[in-house]
Amino acid sequence: MGRVVVYVLITIAIIVFITLSPINNHGRTPPGLNRRLGSKFSKPNFDPLAVKMQRIAEEKGYAGEGDAINLENNSHAKEAEDAGEYLSDDGRLNITLRLLVLFPLLDNKPRDGLISFEELEAWNVVQARERLAYRTQREIQSRDKDGDGAISFKEYLPQFSNEDIEKNEMGHGEAGWWMLQFRNADVDRNGTLDFDEFNNFLHPEDSNNKDIQIWILREKLK
């Protein structure tokens, strides 16, 4: 009985945590920069299954985040990890049931029937990294015009002409400003960014690239 009570209390705590999570940052930073410098990011989702369902809805053109999703007629149903058993009759996710499934995944260091701050933090870090990787992959798919799996400066920022690049103006959002960060991310100096390089370019706050870290510090000082 005691363990059941613990599960219920933890479930309530996690629901509160999800509900009160910060939603968006707002700022004037151009699209493509990381969340901490001002880009608008959607509210994080605690459940990877809910994330997949939301992505399916976006890909198939459903209206909004709160809309019900009918997976029976969705060609991506297999990707939703047999989501049907976690859905109510109106197609909405059973949060309580999902939390009971997720709890043992979080409770692993140690498996003591409790979720510590460190366990919750580790889970959120993994989910955040997966979200960043997903966004990066989507950006590559939409901008890789020549299909080589890498992104050139022109593919990502086609609005800048060769003349703009030659001027190398370093004001915030100017061609030179973007080019400097592009070169920071281009570790192998081949003029294009592969997945890891492009991921660092899009999400500099999460990068271990020293040149990018220095660039971030300078931007914050400005």
Protein backbone atom coordinates (compact mmCIF):
# COMPACT_ATOMS: atom_id res chain seq x y z
CA MET A 1 0.00 0.00 0.00
CA GLY A 2 2.86 2.37 0.88
CA ARG A 3 4.43 2.00 -2.57
CA VAL A 4 1.06 2.72 -4.22
CA VAL A 5 0.77 5.94 -2.21
CA VAL A 6 4.27 6.95 -3.28
CA TYR A 7 3.41 6.36 -6.94
CA VAL A 8 0.25 8.45 -6.64
CA LEU A 9 2.08 11.32 -4.93
CA ILE A 10 4.89 11.26 -7.48
CA THR A 11 2.33 11.19 -10.30
CA ILE A 12 0.64 14.30 -8.89
CA ALA A 13 4.01 16.01 -8.44
CA ILE A 14 5.04 15.32 -12.02
CA ILE A 15 1.71 16.58 -13.37
CA VAL A 16 2.25 19.81 -11.41
CA PHE A 17 5.81 19.99 -12.74
CA ILE A 18 4.60 19.62 -16.32
CA THR A 19 1.84 22.15 -15.83
CA LEU A 20 4.12 24.80 -14.34
CA SER A 21 7.03 24.35 -16.76
CA PRO A 22 8.23 27.59 -18.43
CA ILE A 23 6.66 28.01 -21.84
CA ASN A 24 8.52 30.41 -24.10
CA ASN A 25 11.29 32.94 -24.16
CA HIS A 26 10.72 36.05 -26.23
CA GLY A 27 13.28 38.28 -27.86
CA ARG A 28 14.53 39.90 -31.01
CA THR A 29 17.15 37.31 -31.92
CA PRO A 30 16.81 36.13 -35.55
CA PRO A 31 15.44 32.61 -36.18
CA GLY A 32 18.08 29.91 -35.95
CA LEU A 33 19.65 30.92 -32.67
CA ASN A 34 19.28 28.95 -29.48
CA ARG A 35 16.48 29.28 -26.94
CA ARG A 36 18.55 31.11 -24.31
CA LEU A 37 19.48 33.91 -26.70
CA GLY A 38 15.85 34.64 -27.41
CA SER A 39 14.42 32.19 -29.96
CA LYS A 40 10.85 31.09 -29.39
CA PHE A 41 10.59 27.42 -28.47
CA SER A 42 7.43 25.46 -27.80
CA LYS A 43 6.63 24.20 -24.33
CA PRO A 44 8.72 21.10 -23.51
CA ASN A 45 6.82 17.82 -23.36
CA PHE A 46 7.67 15.37 -20.60
CA ASP A 47 6.43 12.24 -22.41
CA PRO A 48 8.28 11.08 -25.56
CA LEU A 49 5.09 9.38 -26.77
CA ALA A 50 3.21 12.68 -26.58
CA VAL A 51 6.08 14.29 -28.49
CA LYS A 52 5.76 11.72 -31.29
CA MET A 53 2.00 12.19 -31.43
CA GLN A 54 2.43 15.95 -31.65
CA ARG A 55 4.96 15.55 -34.48
CA ILE A 56 2.59 13.28 -36.36
CA ALA A 57 -0.13 15.91 -35.97
CA GLU A 58 2.17 18.63 -37.28
CA GLU A 59 3.29 16.54 -40.25
CA LYS A 60 -0.27 15.63 -41.16
CA GLY A 61 -1.54 19.20 -40.75
CA TYR A 62 -3.78 18.92 -37.70
CA ALA A 63 -5.09 22.23 -36.45
CA GLY A 64 -3.71 22.70 -32.96
CA GLU A 65 -1.76 21.31 -30.05
CA GLY A 66 -4.89 20.43 -28.08
CA ASP A 67 -6.73 18.68 -30.91
CA ALA A 68 -7.53 15.00 -30.67
CA ILE A 69 -5.52 12.73 -32.96
CA ASN A 70 -7.13 9.76 -34.66
CA LEU A 71 -4.23 7.35 -35.10
CA GLU A 72 -6.41 4.66 -36.68
CA ASN A 73 -6.34 6.60 -39.97
CA ASN A 74 -2.76 7.79 -39.62
CA SER A 75 0.00 6.20 -41.70
CA HIS A 76 2.48 6.96 -38.90
CA ALA A 77 0.63 4.85 -36.32
CA LYS A 78 3.52 2.38 -35.89
CA GLU A 79 5.86 5.25 -34.96
CA ALA A 80 3.64 6.14 -32.00
CA GLU A 81 4.71 3.07 -30.01
CA ASP A 82 1.26 1.43 -29.95
CA ALA A 83 -0.21 4.67 -28.66
CA GLY A 84 -3.73 3.30 -28.99
CA GLU A 85 -3.66 1.64 -25.58
CA TYR A 86 -2.90 5.00 -23.96
CA LEU A 87 -5.66 6.91 -25.77
CA SER A 88 -9.20 7.53 -24.58
CA ASP A 89 -12.20 7.16 -26.87
CA ASP A 90 -11.88 10.76 -28.02
CA GLY A 91 -8.23 10.22 -29.01
CA ARG A 92 -6.59 12.03 -26.09
CA LEU A 93 -3.61 10.73 -24.16
CA ASN A 94 -4.29 9.15 -20.75
CA ILE A 95 -1.72 11.10 -18.72
CA THR A 96 -2.10 9.06 -15.55
CA LEU A 97 -1.54 5.78 -17.36
CA ARG A 98 1.48 7.16 -19.19
CA LEU A 99 3.04 8.43 -15.96
CA LEU A 100 2.70 4.97 -14.44
CA VAL A 101 4.60 3.62 -17.46
CA LEU A 102 7.24 6.36 -17.35
CA PHE A 103 7.87 6.20 -13.61
CA PRO A 104 10.06 3.04 -13.69
CA LEU A 105 12.07 4.55 -16.58
CA LEU A 106 12.96 7.57 -14.46
CA ASP A 107 13.47 5.62 -11.24
CA ASN A 108 16.73 3.89 -12.10
CA LYS A 109 19.62 5.35 -10.09
CA PRO A 110 18.83 3.77 -7.69
CA ARG A 111 15.58 1.86 -8.14
CA ASP A 112 14.09 2.81 -4.80
CA GLY A 113 10.48 3.67 -5.63
CA LEU A 114 11.29 7.38 -5.61
CA ILE A 115 12.34 9.86 -8.28
CA SER A 116 15.16 12.11 -7.15
CA PHE A 117 16.02 15.54 -8.52
CA GLU A 118 19.03 14.02 -10.30
CA GLU A 119 16.88 11.34 -11.98
CA LEU A 120 14.32 13.90 -13.11
CA GLU A 121 17.08 16.20 -14.36
CA ALA A 122 18.75 13.39 -16.34
CA TRP A 123 15.43 12.49 -17.98
CA ASN A 124 14.76 16.06 -19.02
CA VAL A 125 18.27 16.47 -20.41
CA VAL A 126 17.84 13.37 -22.60
CA GLN A 127 14.44 14.57 -23.83
CA ALA A 128 15.81 18.06 -24.53
CA ARG A 129 18.73 16.69 -26.57
CA GLU A 130 16.37 14.53 -28.59
CA ARG A 131 14.17 17.54 -29.33
CA LEU A 132 17.16 19.58 -30.50
CA ALA A 133 18.36 16.74 -32.73
CA TYR A 134 14.88 16.41 -34.22
CA ARG A 135 14.70 20.13 -35.02
CA THR A 136 18.15 19.98 -36.58
CA GLN A 137 17.17 17.04 -38.78
CA ARG A 138 14.00 18.83 -39.90
CA GLU A 139 16.03 21.93 -40.78
CA ILE A 140 18.46 19.85 -42.83
CA GLN A 141 15.61 18.17 -44.69
CA SER A 142 14.03 21.52 -45.54
CA ARG A 143 17.21 23.41 -46.49
CA ASP A 144 19.54 20.81 -48.03
CA LYS A 145 18.82 21.75 -51.65
CA ASP A 146 21.56 19.63 -53.23
CA GLY A 147 20.82 16.57 -51.08
CA ASP A 148 24.39 16.07 -49.84
CA GLY A 149 23.34 15.80 -46.19
CA ALA A 150 25.17 18.99 -45.24
CA ILE A 151 24.19 22.66 -45.08
CA SER A 152 26.09 25.47 -46.79
CA PHE A 153 25.89 29.10 -45.72
CA LYS A 154 23.83 29.93 -48.79
CA GLU A 155 21.41 27.08 -48.17
CA TYR A 156 20.67 28.25 -44.64
CA LEU A 157 20.78 32.01 -45.28
CA PRO A 158 19.91 32.55 -48.96
CA GLN A 159 18.84 36.15 -48.29
CA PHE A 160 22.49 37.24 -48.18
CA SER A 161 24.11 38.03 -51.52
CA ASN A 162 27.79 37.55 -52.33
CA GLU A 163 28.14 41.30 -51.94
CA ASP A 164 26.68 41.11 -48.43
CA ILE A 165 29.14 38.37 -47.53
CA GLU A 166 32.08 40.32 -48.94
CA LYS A 167 31.12 43.41 -46.92
CA ASN A 168 31.42 41.22 -43.80
CA GLU A 169 29.40 43.60 -41.65
CA MET A 170 29.44 42.35 -38.05
CA GLY A 171 26.31 44.00 -36.72
CA HIS A 172 23.78 41.72 -35.01
CA GLY A 173 22.08 39.63 -37.69
CA GLU A 174 24.29 40.90 -40.53
CA ALA A 175 26.00 38.54 -42.99
CA GLY A 176 29.41 38.78 -41.29
CA TRP A 177 27.85 38.12 -37.90
CA TRP A 178 26.22 34.94 -39.17
CA MET A 179 29.32 33.91 -41.13
CA LEU A 180 31.49 34.09 -38.01
CA GLN A 181 29.24 31.66 -36.17
CA PHE A 182 29.01 29.45 -39.26
CA ARG A 183 32.80 29.21 -39.37
CA ASN A 184 32.92 28.50 -35.65
CA ALA A 185 30.64 25.51 -36.20
CA ASP A 186 32.51 24.31 -39.32
CA VAL A 187 35.08 22.23 -37.43
CA ASP A 188 36.54 20.46 -40.48
CA ARG A 189 36.65 23.74 -42.45
CA ASN A 190 35.08 22.26 -45.58
CA GLY A 191 32.58 25.09 -46.05
CA THR A 192 29.48 23.06 -45.10
CA LEU A 193 27.97 21.83 -41.84
CA ASP A 194 27.23 18.16 -41.26
CA PHE A 195 24.58 17.09 -38.74
CA ASP A 196 26.70 17.57 -35.59
CA GLU A 197 28.17 20.86 -36.81
CA PHE A 198 24.77 22.18 -37.85
CA ASN A 199 23.28 21.08 -34.52
CA ASN A 200 25.95 23.12 -32.75
CA PHE A 201 25.28 26.06 -35.05
CA LEU A 202 21.54 26.04 -34.35
CA HIS A 203 21.86 25.36 -30.61
CA PRO A 204 25.11 27.04 -29.50
CA GLU A 205 24.24 27.00 -25.79
CA ASP A 206 24.28 23.20 -25.89
CA SER A 207 27.54 22.95 -27.84
CA ASN A 208 30.92 21.82 -26.52
CA ASN A 209 32.68 23.68 -29.35
CA LYS A 210 35.05 26.15 -27.65
CA ASP A 211 34.87 28.69 -30.47
CA ILE A 212 31.08 28.68 -30.23
CA GLN A 213 31.20 28.99 -26.44
CA ILE A 214 33.45 32.05 -26.74
CA TRP A 215 31.07 33.54 -29.32
CA ILE A 216 28.14 33.01 -26.94
CA LEU A 217 29.98 34.74 -24.10
CA ARG A 218 30.78 37.71 -26.31
CA GLU A 219 27.16 37.97 -27.40
CA LYS A 220 25.99 37.92 -23.80
CA LEU A 221 28.50 40.62 -22.86
CA LYS A 222 27.18 42.78 -25.70
